[in-house]
Amino acid sequence: MLVLLSLASALAQSTDVVPETAAPRQVFQAVTIVEYEGVGVDGRRDGPGVAYAIEPKRGTHPSLIVLRANFDDEMESSVGRMR
């Protein structure tokens, strides 16, 4: 037990020592003010950028659903067959 305690204390490192390979710590200001007085911007307007998009014409297909024109007549005849 005594050996374990002595090993643990031997391996412990001090928190006050900074390794030599560590990068220096940088401290930034809380607020940075940038003033743009005296800055001039020169340029010219070329015009709006226009792009034409031509959409192909949608295809038309005949309906696959065929509506019965004589549905009422078929219902009346089926009632007669059930009697």
PDB file of N, CA and C in Angstrom:
ATOM      1  N   MET A   1       0.828  -1.186   0.000  1.00  0.00           N
ATOM      2  CA  MET A   1       0.000   0.000   0.000  1.00  0.00           C
ATOM      3  C   MET A   1       0.876   1.256   0.000  1.00  0.00           C
ATOM      4  N   LEU A   2       1.919   1.222   0.767  1.00  0.00           N
ATOM      5  CA  LEU A   2       2.836   2.351   0.855  1.00  0.00           C
ATOM      6  C   LEU A   2       3.536   2.592  -0.482  1.00  0.00           C
ATOM      7  N   VAL A   3       3.797   1.524  -1.193  1.00  0.00           N
ATOM      8  CA  VAL A   3       4.465   1.632  -2.484  1.00  0.00           C
ATOM      9  C   VAL A   3       3.555   2.339  -3.492  1.00  0.00           C
ATOM     10  N   LEU A   4       2.261   2.008  -3.482  1.00  0.00           N
ATOM     11  CA  LEU A   4       1.319   2.641  -4.395  1.00  0.00           C
ATOM     12  C   LEU A   4       1.204   4.140  -4.147  1.00  0.00           C
ATOM     13  N   LEU A   5       1.149   4.542  -2.908  1.00  0.00           N
ATOM     14  CA  LEU A   5       1.053   5.963  -2.586  1.00  0.00           C
ATOM     15  C   LEU A   5       2.303   6.720  -3.011  1.00  0.00           C
ATOM     16  N   SER A   6       3.449   6.107  -2.833  1.00  0.00           N
ATOM     17  CA  SER A   6       4.683   6.791  -3.225  1.00  0.00           C
ATOM     18  C   SER A   6       4.792   6.886  -4.740  1.00  0.00           C
ATOM     19  N   LEU A   7       4.291   5.872  -5.482  1.00  0.00           N
ATOM     20  CA  LEU A   7       4.307   5.930  -6.941  1.00  0.00           C
ATOM     21  C   LEU A   7       3.339   6.997  -7.455  1.00  0.00           C
ATOM     22  N   ALA A   8       2.185   7.080  -6.851  1.00  0.00           N
ATOM     23  CA  ALA A   8       1.194   8.055  -7.272  1.00  0.00           C
ATOM     24  C   ALA A   8       1.712   9.479  -7.059  1.00  0.00           C
ATOM     25  N   SER A   9       2.383   9.733  -5.965  1.00  0.00           N
ATOM     26  CA  SER A   9       2.906  11.074  -5.724  1.00  0.00           C
ATOM     27  C   SER A   9       4.111  11.363  -6.618  1.00  0.00           C
ATOM     28  N   ALA A  10       4.855  10.355  -7.005  1.00  0.00           N
ATOM     29  CA  ALA A  10       6.006  10.559  -7.877  1.00  0.00           C
ATOM     30  C   ALA A  10       5.546  10.887  -9.303  1.00  0.00           C
ATOM     31  N   LEU A  11       4.425  10.324  -9.735  1.00  0.00           N
ATOM     32  CA  LEU A  11       3.930  10.555 -11.082  1.00  0.00           C
ATOM     33  C   LEU A  11       3.099  11.835 -11.205  1.00  0.00           C
ATOM     34  N   ALA A  12       2.690  12.393 -10.124  1.00  0.00           N
ATOM     35  CA  ALA A  12       1.858  13.596 -10.166  1.00  0.00           C
ATOM     36  C   ALA A  12       2.686  14.770 -10.655  1.00  0.00           C
ATOM     37  N   GLN A  13       2.091  15.617 -11.462  1.00  0.00           N
ATOM     38  CA  GLN A  13       2.783  16.787 -11.985  1.00  0.00           C
ATOM     39  C   GLN A  13       2.230  18.035 -11.336  1.00  0.00           C
ATOM     40  N   SER A  14       3.059  19.001 -11.233  1.00  0.00           N
ATOM     41  CA  SER A  14       2.638  20.277 -10.677  1.00  0.00           C
ATOM     42  C   SER A  14       1.859  21.042 -11.747  1.00  0.00           C
ATOM     43  N   THR A  15       0.772  21.720 -11.370  1.00  0.00           N
ATOM     44  CA  THR A  15      -0.029  22.482 -12.332  1.00  0.00           C
ATOM     45  C   THR A  15       0.597  23.841 -12.622  1.00  0.00           C
ATOM     46  N   ASP A  16       1.603  24.265 -11.823  1.00  0.00           N
ATOM     47  CA  ASP A  16       2.245  25.564 -12.023  1.00  0.00           C
ATOM     48  C   ASP A  16       3.267  25.534 -13.159  1.00  0.00           C
ATOM     49  N   VAL A  17       3.745  24.373 -13.519  1.00  0.00           N
ATOM     50  CA  VAL A  17       4.785  24.253 -14.536  1.00  0.00           C
ATOM     51  C   VAL A  17       4.128  24.150 -15.904  1.00  0.00           C
ATOM     52  N   VAL A  18       4.522  25.025 -16.849  1.00  0.00           N
ATOM     53  CA  VAL A  18       4.009  25.014 -18.215  1.00  0.00           C
ATOM     54  C   VAL A  18       5.083  24.379 -19.090  1.00  0.00           C
ATOM     55  N   PRO A  19       4.730  23.412 -19.923  1.00  0.00           N
ATOM     56  CA  PRO A  19       5.739  22.796 -20.780  1.00  0.00           C
ATOM     57  C   PRO A  19       6.333  23.816 -21.749  1.00  0.00           C
ATOM     58  N   GLU A  20       7.583  23.594 -22.135  1.00  0.00           N
ATOM     59  CA  GLU A  20       8.268  24.529 -23.018  1.00  0.00           C
ATOM     60  C   GLU A  20       7.674  24.532 -24.422  1.00  0.00           C
ATOM     61  N   THR A  21       7.036  23.439 -24.817  1.00  0.00           N
ATOM     62  CA  THR A  21       6.472  23.343 -26.166  1.00  0.00           C
ATOM     63  C   THR A  21       5.097  23.995 -26.277  1.00  0.00           C
ATOM     64  N   ALA A  22       4.539  24.457 -25.178  1.00  0.00           N
ATOM     65  CA  ALA A  22       3.207  25.068 -25.206  1.00  0.00           C
ATOM     66  C   ALA A  22       3.268  26.430 -25.878  1.00  0.00           C
ATOM     67  N   ALA A  23       2.223  26.746 -26.663  1.00  0.00           N
ATOM     68  CA  ALA A  23       2.141  28.042 -27.338  1.00  0.00           C
ATOM     69  C   ALA A  23       1.815  29.121 -26.315  1.00  0.00           C
ATOM     70  N   PRO A  24       2.305  30.343 -26.519  1.00  0.00           N
ATOM     71  CA  PRO A  24       1.972  31.417 -25.570  1.00  0.00           C
ATOM     72  C   PRO A  24       0.475  31.716 -25.607  1.00  0.00           C
ATOM     73  N   ARG A  25      -0.070  32.048 -24.472  1.00  0.00           N
ATOM     74  CA  ARG A  25      -1.499  32.304 -24.363  1.00  0.00           C
ATOM     75  C   ARG A  25      -1.809  33.697 -24.910  1.00  0.00           C
ATOM     76  N   GLN A  26      -2.852  33.799 -25.733  1.00  0.00           N
ATOM     77  CA  GLN A  26      -3.246  35.067 -26.321  1.00  0.00           C
ATOM     78  C   GLN A  26      -4.476  35.588 -25.596  1.00  0.00           C
ATOM     79  N   VAL A  27      -4.463  36.870 -25.286  1.00  0.00           N
ATOM     80  CA  VAL A  27      -5.592  37.511 -24.625  1.00  0.00           C
ATOM     81  C   VAL A  27      -6.112  38.574 -25.583  1.00  0.00           C
ATOM     82  N   PHE A  28      -7.415  38.513 -25.900  1.00  0.00           N
ATOM     83  CA  PHE A  28      -8.027  39.443 -26.832  1.00  0.00           C
ATOM     84  C   PHE A  28      -8.842  40.482 -26.074  1.00  0.00           C
ATOM     85  N   GLN A  29      -9.018  41.643 -26.711  1.00  0.00           N
ATOM     86  CA  GLN A  29      -9.837  42.689 -26.112  1.00  0.00           C
ATOM     87  C   GLN A  29     -11.300  42.268 -26.168  1.00  0.00           C
ATOM     88  N   ALA A  30     -12.091  42.817 -25.249  1.00  0.00           N
ATOM     89  CA  ALA A  30     -13.515  42.485 -25.210  1.00  0.00           C
ATOM     90  C   ALA A  30     -14.250  43.095 -26.395  1.00  0.00           C
ATOM     91  N   VAL A  31     -13.864  44.305 -26.815  1.00  0.00           N
ATOM     92  CA  VAL A  31     -14.530  44.999 -27.921  1.00  0.00           C
ATOM     93  C   VAL A  31     -13.458  45.530 -28.864  1.00  0.00           C
ATOM     94  N   THR A  32     -13.674  45.328 -30.169  1.00  0.00           N
ATOM     95  CA  THR A  32     -12.772  45.866 -31.177  1.00  0.00           C
ATOM     96  C   THR A  32     -13.559  46.841 -32.039  1.00  0.00           C
ATOM     97  N   ILE A  33     -13.085  48.070 -32.150  1.00  0.00           N
ATOM     98  CA  ILE A  33     -13.763  49.095 -32.940  1.00  0.00           C
ATOM     99  C   ILE A  33     -12.944  49.337 -34.198  1.00  0.00           C
ATOM    100  N   VAL A  34     -13.597  49.245 -35.344  1.00  0.00           N
ATOM    101  CA  VAL A  34     -12.944  49.476 -36.622  1.00  0.00           C
ATOM    102  C   VAL A  34     -13.625  50.665 -37.279  1.00  0.00           C
ATOM    103  N   GLU A  35     -12.862  51.681 -37.630  1.00  0.00           N
ATOM    104  CA  GLU A  35     -13.411  52.873 -38.266  1.00  0.00           C
ATOM    105  C   GLU A  35     -13.035  52.858 -39.738  1.00  0.00           C
ATOM    106  N   TYR A  36     -14.003  53.158 -40.598  1.00  0.00           N
ATOM    107  CA  TYR A  36     -13.796  53.126 -42.037  1.00  0.00           C
ATOM    108  C   TYR A  36     -13.836  54.523 -42.653  1.00  0.00           C
ATOM    109  N   GLU A  37     -13.407  55.517 -41.960  1.00  0.00           N
ATOM    110  CA  GLU A  37     -13.407  56.868 -42.501  1.00  0.00           C
ATOM    111  C   GLU A  37     -12.298  56.986 -43.540  1.00  0.00           C
ATOM    112  N   GLY A  38     -12.608  57.669 -44.627  1.00  0.00           N
ATOM    113  CA  GLY A  38     -11.603  57.885 -45.644  1.00  0.00           C
ATOM    114  C   GLY A  38     -11.434  56.733 -46.617  1.00  0.00           C
ATOM    115  N   VAL A  39     -12.257  55.725 -46.527  1.00  0.00           N
ATOM    116  CA  VAL A  39     -12.162  54.600 -47.447  1.00  0.00           C
ATOM    117  C   VAL A  39     -13.113  54.856 -48.600  1.00  0.00           C
ATOM    118  N   GLY A  40     -12.592  54.893 -49.809  1.00  0.00           N
ATOM    119  CA  GLY A  40     -13.420  55.137 -50.982  1.00  0.00           C
ATOM    120  C   GLY A  40     -13.591  53.862 -51.788  1.00  0.00           C
ATOM    121  N   VAL A  41     -14.746  53.712 -52.378  1.00  0.00           N
ATOM    122  CA  VAL A  41     -15.027  52.548 -53.205  1.00  0.00           C
ATOM    123  C   VAL A  41     -15.362  53.047 -54.600  1.00  0.00           C
ATOM    124  N   ASP A  42     -14.603  52.608 -55.574  1.00  0.00           N
ATOM    125  CA  ASP A  42     -14.849  52.978 -56.964  1.00  0.00           C
ATOM    126  C   ASP A  42     -15.398  51.763 -57.699  1.00  0.00           C
ATOM    127  N   GLY A  43     -16.304  52.036 -58.624  1.00  0.00           N
ATOM    128  CA  GLY A  43     -16.855  50.927 -59.391  1.00  0.00           C
ATOM    129  C   GLY A  43     -17.827  51.447 -60.423  1.00  0.00           C
ATOM    130  N   ARG A  44     -18.341  50.537 -61.229  1.00  0.00           N
ATOM    131  CA  ARG A  44     -19.338  50.910 -62.222  1.00  0.00           C
ATOM    132  C   ARG A  44     -20.387  49.811 -62.281  1.00  0.00           C
ATOM    133  N   ARG A  45     -21.553  50.217 -62.706  1.00  0.00           N
ATOM    134  CA  ARG A  45     -22.663  49.278 -62.775  1.00  0.00           C
ATOM    135  C   ARG A  45     -22.750  48.755 -64.201  1.00  0.00           C
ATOM    136  N   ASP A  46     -22.689  47.448 -64.364  1.00  0.00           N
ATOM    137  CA  ASP A  46     -22.771  46.824 -65.683  1.00  0.00           C
ATOM    138  C   ASP A  46     -24.201  46.560 -66.103  1.00  0.00           C
ATOM    139  N   GLY A  47     -25.077  46.419 -65.179  1.00  0.00           N
ATOM    140  CA  GLY A  47     -26.466  46.088 -65.485  1.00  0.00           C
ATOM    141  C   GLY A  47     -26.849  44.815 -64.747  1.00  0.00           C
ATOM    142  N   PRO A  48     -28.111  44.504 -64.790  1.00  0.00           N
ATOM    143  CA  PRO A  48     -28.550  43.317 -64.062  1.00  0.00           C
ATOM    144  C   PRO A  48     -28.074  42.047 -64.754  1.00  0.00           C
ATOM    145  N   GLY A  49     -27.799  41.066 -63.962  1.00  0.00           N
ATOM    146  CA  GLY A  49     -27.435  39.772 -64.513  1.00  0.00           C
ATOM    147  C   GLY A  49     -28.706  39.002 -64.838  1.00  0.00           C
ATOM    148  N   VAL A  50     -28.875  38.642 -66.094  1.00  0.00           N
ATOM    149  CA  VAL A  50     -30.106  37.991 -66.534  1.00  0.00           C
ATOM    150  C   VAL A  50     -29.770  36.608 -67.057  1.00  0.00           C
ATOM    151  N   ALA A  51     -30.554  35.651 -66.651  1.00  0.00           N
ATOM    152  CA  ALA A  51     -30.413  34.292 -67.165  1.00  0.00           C
ATOM    153  C   ALA A  51     -31.793  33.817 -67.596  1.00  0.00           C
ATOM    154  N   TYR A  52     -31.894  33.323 -68.804  1.00  0.00           N
ATOM    155  CA  TYR A  52     -33.156  32.821 -69.322  1.00  0.00           C
ATOM    156  C   TYR A  52     -33.243  31.330 -69.062  1.00  0.00           C
ATOM    157  N   ALA A  53     -34.350  30.930 -68.502  1.00  0.00           N
ATOM    158  CA  ALA A  53     -34.593  29.510 -68.258  1.00  0.00           C
ATOM    159  C   ALA A  53     -35.776  29.100 -69.109  1.00  0.00           C
ATOM    160  N   ILE A  54     -35.533  28.225 -70.061  1.00  0.00           N
ATOM    161  CA  ILE A  54     -36.599  27.755 -70.944  1.00  0.00           C
ATOM    162  C   ILE A  54     -37.011  26.366 -70.462  1.00  0.00           C
ATOM    163  N   GLU A  55     -38.267  26.288 -70.077  1.00  0.00           N
ATOM    164  CA  GLU A  55     -38.780  25.024 -69.560  1.00  0.00           C
ATOM    165  C   GLU A  55     -39.421  24.253 -70.703  1.00  0.00           C
ATOM    166  N   PRO A  56     -39.103  22.968 -70.822  1.00  0.00           N
ATOM    167  CA  PRO A  56     -39.714  22.204 -71.910  1.00  0.00           C
ATOM    168  C   PRO A  56     -41.221  22.064 -71.705  1.00  0.00           C
ATOM    169  N   LYS A  57     -41.930  21.936 -72.800  1.00  0.00           N
ATOM    170  CA  LYS A  57     -43.378  21.813 -72.747  1.00  0.00           C
ATOM    171  C   LYS A  57     -43.750  20.484 -72.103  1.00  0.00           C
ATOM    172  N   ARG A  58     -44.726  20.529 -71.220  1.00  0.00           N
ATOM    173  CA  ARG A  58     -45.164  19.309 -70.540  1.00  0.00           C
ATOM    174  C   ARG A  58     -45.939  18.442 -71.509  1.00  0.00           C
ATOM    175  N   GLY A  59     -45.707  17.167 -71.426  1.00  0.00           N
ATOM    176  CA  GLY A  59     -46.419  16.240 -72.290  1.00  0.00           C
ATOM    177  C   GLY A  59     -47.851  16.040 -71.845  1.00  0.00           C
ATOM    178  N   THR A  60     -48.720  15.768 -72.792  1.00  0.00           N
ATOM    179  CA  THR A  60     -50.114  15.482 -72.472  1.00  0.00           C
ATOM    180  C   THR A  60     -50.391  14.024 -72.818  1.00  0.00           C
ATOM    181  N   HIS A  61     -51.058  13.352 -71.933  1.00  0.00           N
ATOM    182  CA  HIS A  61     -51.360  11.933 -72.105  1.00  0.00           C
ATOM    183  C   HIS A  61     -52.861  11.728 -71.950  1.00  0.00           C
ATOM    184  N   PRO A  62     -53.418  10.787 -72.686  1.00  0.00           N
ATOM    185  CA  PRO A  62     -54.852  10.510 -72.505  1.00  0.00           C
ATOM    186  C   PRO A  62     -55.080   9.870 -71.137  1.00  0.00           C
ATOM    187  N   SER A  63     -56.267  10.076 -70.606  1.00  0.00           N
ATOM    188  CA  SER A  63     -56.601   9.522 -69.303  1.00  0.00           C
ATOM    189  C   SER A  63     -56.704   8.002 -69.386  1.00  0.00           C
ATOM    190  N   LEU A  64     -56.208   7.330 -68.378  1.00  0.00           N
ATOM    191  CA  LEU A  64     -56.298   5.876 -68.315  1.00  0.00           C
ATOM    192  C   LEU A  64     -57.601   5.426 -67.666  1.00  0.00           C
ATOM    193  N   ILE A  65     -58.366   6.354 -67.132  1.00  0.00           N
ATOM    194  CA  ILE A  65     -59.644   6.036 -66.499  1.00  0.00           C
ATOM    195  C   ILE A  65     -60.754   6.275 -67.521  1.00  0.00           C
ATOM    196  N   VAL A  66     -61.523   5.240 -67.756  1.00  0.00           N
ATOM    197  CA  VAL A  66     -62.638   5.348 -68.706  1.00  0.00           C
ATOM    198  C   VAL A  66     -63.927   5.420 -67.891  1.00  0.00           C
ATOM    199  N   LEU A  67     -64.648   6.525 -68.024  1.00  0.00           N
ATOM    200  CA  LEU A  67     -65.894   6.681 -67.293  1.00  0.00           C
ATOM    201  C   LEU A  67     -67.022   5.996 -68.063  1.00  0.00           C
ATOM    202  N   ARG A  68     -67.898   5.305 -67.327  1.00  0.00           N
ATOM    203  CA  ARG A  68     -69.039   4.635 -67.955  1.00  0.00           C
ATOM    204  C   ARG A  68     -70.137   5.648 -68.227  1.00  0.00           C
ATOM    205  N   ALA A  69     -70.587   5.684 -69.430  1.00  0.00           N
ATOM    206  CA  ALA A  69     -71.663   6.612 -69.786  1.00  0.00           C
ATOM    207  C   ALA A  69     -73.030   6.024 -69.440  1.00  0.00           C
ATOM    208  N   ASN A  70     -73.123   4.693 -69.369  1.00  0.00           N
ATOM    209  CA  ASN A  70     -74.412   4.043 -69.135  1.00  0.00           C
ATOM    210  C   ASN A  70     -74.440   3.360 -67.764  1.00  0.00           C
ATOM    211  N   PHE A  71     -73.852   3.954 -66.745  1.00  0.00           N
ATOM    212  CA  PHE A  71     -73.770   3.334 -65.423  1.00  0.00           C
ATOM    213  C   PHE A  71     -75.162   3.152 -64.803  1.00  0.00           C
ATOM    214  N   ASP A  72     -76.015   4.151 -64.924  1.00  0.00           N
ATOM    215  CA  ASP A  72     -77.359   4.051 -64.324  1.00  0.00           C
ATOM    216  C   ASP A  72     -78.153   2.909 -64.959  1.00  0.00           C
ATOM    217  N   ASP A  73     -78.050   2.765 -66.266  1.00  0.00           N
ATOM    218  CA  ASP A  73     -78.759   1.684 -66.954  1.00  0.00           C
ATOM    219  C   ASP A  73     -78.249   0.317 -66.491  1.00  0.00           C
ATOM    220  N   GLU A  74     -76.945   0.188 -66.313  1.00  0.00           N
ATOM    221  CA  GLU A  74     -76.388  -1.092 -65.859  1.00  0.00           C
ATOM    222  C   GLU A  74     -76.826  -1.406 -64.434  1.00  0.00           C
ATOM    223  N   MET A  75     -76.918  -0.387 -63.561  1.00  0.00           N
ATOM    224  CA  MET A  75     -77.378  -0.625 -62.187  1.00  0.00           C
ATOM    225  C   MET A  75     -78.828  -1.096 -62.170  1.00  0.00           C
ATOM    226  N   GLU A  76     -79.686  -0.478 -62.990  1.00  0.00           N
ATOM    227  CA  GLU A  76     -81.085  -0.887 -63.025  1.00  0.00           C
ATOM    228  C   GLU A  76     -81.236  -2.301 -63.550  1.00  0.00           C
ATOM    229  N   SER A  77     -80.445  -2.676 -64.542  1.00  0.00           N
ATOM    230  CA  SER A  77     -80.550  -4.031 -65.084  1.00  0.00           C
ATOM    231  C   SER A  77     -80.008  -5.066 -64.105  1.00  0.00           C
ATOM    232  N   SER A  78     -79.000  -4.692 -63.304  1.00  0.00           N
ATOM    233  CA  SER A  78     -78.459  -5.641 -62.330  1.00  0.00           C
ATOM    234  C   SER A  78     -79.442  -5.880 -61.180  1.00  0.00           C
ATOM    235  N   VAL A  79     -80.243  -4.862 -60.836  1.00  0.00           N
ATOM    236  CA  VAL A  79     -81.256  -5.036 -59.799  1.00  0.00           C
ATOM    237  C   VAL A  79     -82.330  -6.021 -60.292  1.00  0.00           C
ATOM    238  N   GLY A  80     -82.659  -5.897 -61.570  1.00  0.00           N
ATOM    239  CA  GLY A  80     -83.644  -6.816 -62.142  1.00  0.00           C
ATOM    240  C   GLY A  80     -83.129  -8.249 -62.159  1.00  0.00           C
ATOM    241  N   ARG A  81     -81.858  -8.435 -62.358  1.00  0.00           N
ATOM    242  CA  ARG A  81     -81.294  -9.795 -62.365  1.00  0.00           C
ATOM    243  C   ARG A  81     -81.243 -10.381 -60.965  1.00  0.00           C
ATOM    244  N   MET A  82     -81.133  -9.545 -59.915  1.00  0.00           N
ATOM    245  CA  MET A  82     -81.051 -10.043 -58.560  1.00  0.00           C
ATOM    246  C   MET A  82     -82.390 -10.548 -58.088  1.00  0.00           C
ATOM    247  N   ARG A  83     -83.518 -10.053 -58.622  1.00  0.00           N
ATOM    248  CA  ARG A  83     -84.844 -10.453 -58.171  1.00  0.00           C
ATOM    249  C   ARG A  83     -85.197 -11.760 -58.703  1.00  0.00           C
TER     250      ARG A  83
END
